[in-house]
Amino acid sequence: MVKRLVIVVALIIALFMAPVSAVSGSQININTAAAEELITLPGIGPALAERIIEYRSQFPFETEEDIMQVPGIGEGRFNDIKDQITVE
């Protein structure tokens, strides 16, 4: 429980220190983005960001749509983020 709280606090702090490109409207590369960048996307919190990172470590994303293979990301959430992500 304490470990999870520490991770969440660290991610929140890192969010405020995230690169400008992560929050300025640039697309986020879902194959290389850190958790701090991923959580800037609508509907993506720390847990889902970690799932994305775990998934891509085994199956790199070839298209933006591939992110829907990550548990918790369905068509609705994909539609919310599709214009903000890239695999290039």
N, C-alpha and C. Protein backbone atom coordinates (compact mmCIF):
# COMPACT_ATOMS: atom_id res chain seq x y z
N MET A 1 0.83 -1.19 0.00
CA MET A 1 0.00 0.00 0.00
C MET A 1 0.87 1.25 0.00
N VAL A 2 1.87 1.28 0.85
CA VAL A 2 2.77 2.44 0.92
C VAL A 2 3.55 2.56 -0.38
N LYS A 3 3.99 1.43 -0.92
CA LYS A 3 4.75 1.44 -2.17
C LYS A 3 3.90 2.03 -3.29
N ARG A 4 2.65 1.65 -3.37
CA ARG A 4 1.74 2.16 -4.40
C ARG A 4 1.54 3.67 -4.22
N LEU A 5 1.39 4.12 -2.99
CA LEU A 5 1.23 5.54 -2.71
C LEU A 5 2.47 6.32 -3.13
N VAL A 6 3.63 5.78 -2.85
CA VAL A 6 4.89 6.42 -3.25
C VAL A 6 4.97 6.54 -4.77
N ILE A 7 4.56 5.49 -5.48
CA ILE A 7 4.58 5.52 -6.94
C ILE A 7 3.64 6.58 -7.47
N VAL A 8 2.44 6.64 -6.92
CA VAL A 8 1.45 7.63 -7.37
C VAL A 8 1.97 9.04 -7.11
N VAL A 9 2.52 9.28 -5.94
CA VAL A 9 3.05 10.61 -5.61
C VAL A 9 4.20 10.96 -6.55
N ALA A 10 5.07 9.99 -6.83
CA ALA A 10 6.19 10.23 -7.74
C ALA A 10 5.69 10.57 -9.14
N LEU A 11 4.67 9.88 -9.60
CA LEU A 11 4.11 10.16 -10.92
C LEU A 11 3.47 11.54 -10.98
N ILE A 12 2.80 11.93 -9.91
CA ILE A 12 2.18 13.26 -9.87
C ILE A 12 3.25 14.34 -9.90
N ILE A 13 4.30 14.15 -9.13
CA ILE A 13 5.41 15.11 -9.14
C ILE A 13 6.05 15.16 -10.52
N ALA A 14 6.26 13.99 -11.11
CA ALA A 14 6.88 13.94 -12.43
C ALA A 14 6.00 14.60 -13.48
N LEU A 15 4.70 14.53 -13.32
CA LEU A 15 3.79 15.17 -14.26
C LEU A 15 4.06 16.66 -14.35
N PHE A 16 4.32 17.27 -13.21
CA PHE A 16 4.60 18.70 -13.20
C PHE A 16 5.97 19.01 -13.80
N MET A 17 6.81 17.99 -13.90
CA MET A 17 8.14 18.17 -14.46
C MET A 17 8.25 17.54 -15.85
N ALA A 18 7.13 17.10 -16.42
CA ALA A 18 7.12 16.43 -17.72
C ALA A 18 7.63 17.37 -18.80
N PRO A 19 8.24 16.78 -19.83
CA PRO A 19 8.71 17.62 -20.94
C PRO A 19 7.56 18.43 -21.53
N VAL A 20 7.87 19.61 -22.00
CA VAL A 20 6.85 20.49 -22.56
C VAL A 20 6.12 19.80 -23.71
N SER A 21 6.82 19.00 -24.51
CA SER A 21 6.18 18.34 -25.63
C SER A 21 5.08 17.39 -25.19
N ALA A 22 5.16 16.88 -23.98
CA ALA A 22 4.15 15.95 -23.49
C ALA A 22 2.83 16.64 -23.18
N VAL A 23 2.90 17.94 -22.91
CA VAL A 23 1.69 18.64 -22.53
C VAL A 23 1.35 19.80 -23.46
N SER A 24 2.13 20.02 -24.48
CA SER A 24 1.94 21.20 -25.32
C SER A 24 1.14 20.94 -26.58
N GLY A 25 0.66 19.74 -26.78
CA GLY A 25 -0.10 19.47 -27.97
C GLY A 25 0.61 18.56 -28.95
N SER A 26 1.88 18.27 -28.72
CA SER A 26 2.59 17.33 -29.57
C SER A 26 2.05 15.93 -29.33
N GLN A 27 2.19 15.09 -30.34
CA GLN A 27 1.76 13.71 -30.16
C GLN A 27 2.77 12.96 -29.29
N ILE A 28 2.25 12.02 -28.53
CA ILE A 28 3.07 11.20 -27.65
C ILE A 28 3.31 9.86 -28.32
N ASN A 29 4.57 9.47 -28.42
CA ASN A 29 4.91 8.17 -29.00
C ASN A 29 4.66 7.10 -27.94
N ILE A 30 3.66 6.27 -28.18
CA ILE A 30 3.27 5.27 -27.19
C ILE A 30 4.27 4.12 -27.09
N ASN A 31 5.23 4.06 -27.99
CA ASN A 31 6.29 3.05 -27.90
C ASN A 31 7.46 3.50 -27.05
N THR A 32 7.58 4.80 -26.82
CA THR A 32 8.75 5.29 -26.09
C THR A 32 8.41 6.17 -24.90
N ALA A 33 7.17 6.59 -24.76
CA ALA A 33 6.79 7.53 -23.71
C ALA A 33 6.95 6.92 -22.32
N ALA A 34 7.41 7.74 -21.41
CA ALA A 34 7.47 7.36 -20.01
C ALA A 34 6.07 7.44 -19.42
N ALA A 35 5.89 6.83 -18.27
CA ALA A 35 4.58 6.85 -17.60
C ALA A 35 4.12 8.28 -17.37
N GLU A 36 5.06 9.16 -17.04
CA GLU A 36 4.72 10.56 -16.77
C GLU A 36 4.10 11.23 -18.00
N GLU A 37 4.55 10.85 -19.18
CA GLU A 37 3.98 11.40 -20.41
C GLU A 37 2.62 10.76 -20.71
N LEU A 38 2.54 9.45 -20.52
CA LEU A 38 1.29 8.74 -20.82
C LEU A 38 0.13 9.25 -19.97
N ILE A 39 0.40 9.60 -18.71
CA ILE A 39 -0.70 10.04 -17.85
C ILE A 39 -1.21 11.42 -18.21
N THR A 40 -0.55 12.09 -19.14
CA THR A 40 -1.08 13.38 -19.61
C THR A 40 -2.20 13.17 -20.61
N LEU A 41 -2.38 11.95 -21.07
CA LEU A 41 -3.46 11.63 -22.02
C LEU A 41 -4.78 11.49 -21.27
N PRO A 42 -5.89 11.92 -21.87
CA PRO A 42 -7.19 11.81 -21.22
C PRO A 42 -7.54 10.36 -20.87
N GLY A 43 -7.91 10.14 -19.64
CA GLY A 43 -8.35 8.81 -19.21
C GLY A 43 -7.24 7.84 -18.90
N ILE A 44 -5.99 8.28 -18.99
CA ILE A 44 -4.85 7.40 -18.69
C ILE A 44 -4.27 7.81 -17.35
N GLY A 45 -4.42 6.94 -16.36
CA GLY A 45 -3.86 7.20 -15.05
C GLY A 45 -2.59 6.37 -14.86
N PRO A 46 -2.02 6.42 -13.67
CA PRO A 46 -0.78 5.69 -13.41
C PRO A 46 -0.87 4.18 -13.67
N ALA A 47 -1.97 3.56 -13.26
CA ALA A 47 -2.09 2.11 -13.45
C ALA A 47 -2.17 1.75 -14.93
N LEU A 48 -2.95 2.49 -15.68
CA LEU A 48 -3.08 2.21 -17.11
C LEU A 48 -1.79 2.53 -17.85
N ALA A 49 -1.09 3.56 -17.43
CA ALA A 49 0.20 3.89 -18.04
C ALA A 49 1.17 2.73 -17.85
N GLU A 50 1.17 2.14 -16.66
CA GLU A 50 2.05 0.99 -16.41
C GLU A 50 1.65 -0.20 -17.26
N ARG A 51 0.35 -0.41 -17.46
CA ARG A 51 -0.10 -1.51 -18.33
C ARG A 51 0.36 -1.30 -19.77
N ILE A 52 0.32 -0.06 -20.23
CA ILE A 52 0.78 0.24 -21.59
C ILE A 52 2.26 -0.08 -21.71
N ILE A 53 3.04 0.32 -20.74
CA ILE A 53 4.49 0.08 -20.76
C ILE A 53 4.78 -1.42 -20.70
N GLU A 54 4.07 -2.14 -19.84
CA GLU A 54 4.26 -3.59 -19.75
C GLU A 54 3.90 -4.27 -21.06
N TYR A 55 2.79 -3.87 -21.67
CA TYR A 55 2.35 -4.49 -22.92
C TYR A 55 3.36 -4.24 -24.03
N ARG A 56 3.80 -3.00 -24.18
CA ARG A 56 4.71 -2.67 -25.30
C ARG A 56 6.08 -3.30 -25.13
N SER A 57 6.44 -3.66 -23.91
CA SER A 57 7.74 -4.33 -23.72
C SER A 57 7.74 -5.71 -24.36
N GLN A 58 6.57 -6.31 -24.51
CA GLN A 58 6.45 -7.61 -25.15
C GLN A 58 5.96 -7.49 -26.58
N PHE A 59 5.11 -6.51 -26.84
CA PHE A 59 4.49 -6.34 -28.16
C PHE A 59 4.53 -4.87 -28.56
N PRO A 60 5.63 -4.40 -29.15
CA PRO A 60 5.67 -2.99 -29.56
C PRO A 60 4.49 -2.65 -30.48
N PHE A 61 3.97 -1.47 -30.31
CA PHE A 61 2.83 -1.03 -31.10
C PHE A 61 3.27 -0.74 -32.54
N GLU A 62 2.54 -1.31 -33.49
CA GLU A 62 2.83 -1.06 -34.91
C GLU A 62 1.92 0.03 -35.45
N THR A 63 0.72 0.15 -34.89
CA THR A 63 -0.22 1.21 -35.26
C THR A 63 -0.79 1.80 -33.98
N GLU A 64 -1.35 2.98 -34.09
CA GLU A 64 -1.97 3.60 -32.93
C GLU A 64 -3.12 2.74 -32.40
N GLU A 65 -3.84 2.09 -33.30
CA GLU A 65 -4.97 1.26 -32.91
C GLU A 65 -4.56 0.07 -32.04
N ASP A 66 -3.30 -0.35 -32.15
CA ASP A 66 -2.82 -1.48 -31.36
C ASP A 66 -2.93 -1.24 -29.86
N ILE A 67 -3.01 0.01 -29.45
CA ILE A 67 -3.11 0.30 -28.02
C ILE A 67 -4.39 -0.27 -27.43
N MET A 68 -5.38 -0.55 -28.30
CA MET A 68 -6.63 -1.14 -27.80
C MET A 68 -6.45 -2.59 -27.35
N GLN A 69 -5.28 -3.16 -27.59
CA GLN A 69 -4.98 -4.51 -27.10
C GLN A 69 -4.63 -4.49 -25.61
N VAL A 70 -4.33 -3.32 -25.08
CA VAL A 70 -4.01 -3.18 -23.66
C VAL A 70 -5.31 -3.25 -22.86
N PRO A 71 -5.38 -4.14 -21.88
CA PRO A 71 -6.60 -4.21 -21.06
C PRO A 71 -6.93 -2.85 -20.44
N GLY A 72 -8.18 -2.43 -20.63
CA GLY A 72 -8.61 -1.15 -20.09
C GLY A 72 -8.70 -0.05 -21.13
N ILE A 73 -8.20 -0.34 -22.34
CA ILE A 73 -8.31 0.65 -23.41
C ILE A 73 -9.19 0.07 -24.50
N GLY A 74 -10.40 0.57 -24.54
CA GLY A 74 -11.34 0.14 -25.56
C GLY A 74 -11.50 1.22 -26.61
N GLU A 75 -12.50 1.05 -27.44
CA GLU A 75 -12.72 1.98 -28.54
C GLU A 75 -13.00 3.41 -28.05
N GLY A 76 -13.75 3.53 -26.98
CA GLY A 76 -14.07 4.86 -26.45
C GLY A 76 -12.84 5.61 -25.98
N ARG A 77 -12.03 4.95 -25.17
CA ARG A 77 -10.82 5.59 -24.66
C ARG A 77 -9.85 5.86 -25.82
N PHE A 78 -9.78 4.92 -26.76
CA PHE A 78 -8.91 5.14 -27.93
C PHE A 78 -9.36 6.39 -28.68
N ASN A 79 -10.66 6.53 -28.90
CA ASN A 79 -11.16 7.71 -29.61
C ASN A 79 -10.81 9.01 -28.88
N ASP A 80 -10.72 8.96 -27.55
CA ASP A 80 -10.36 10.14 -26.77
C ASP A 80 -8.90 10.53 -26.95
N ILE A 81 -8.03 9.55 -27.25
CA ILE A 81 -6.59 9.83 -27.30
C ILE A 81 -5.97 9.70 -28.69
N LYS A 82 -6.70 9.20 -29.66
CA LYS A 82 -6.10 8.84 -30.96
C LYS A 82 -5.40 10.01 -31.65
N ASP A 83 -5.88 11.21 -31.48
CA ASP A 83 -5.25 12.35 -32.12
C ASP A 83 -4.00 12.85 -31.38
N GLN A 84 -3.78 12.29 -30.19
CA GLN A 84 -2.66 12.74 -29.36
C GLN A 84 -1.52 11.73 -29.30
N ILE A 85 -1.68 10.57 -29.99
CA ILE A 85 -0.66 9.53 -29.91
C ILE A 85 -0.11 9.20 -31.29
N THR A 86 1.09 8.63 -31.28
CA THR A 86 1.73 8.17 -32.50
C THR A 86 2.60 6.95 -32.16
N VAL A 87 3.01 6.23 -33.18
CA VAL A 87 3.94 5.12 -32.99
C VAL A 87 5.26 5.42 -33.72
N GLU A 88 5.36 6.60 -34.30
CA GLU A 88 6.56 6.99 -35.06
C GLU A 88 7.45 7.91 -34.27
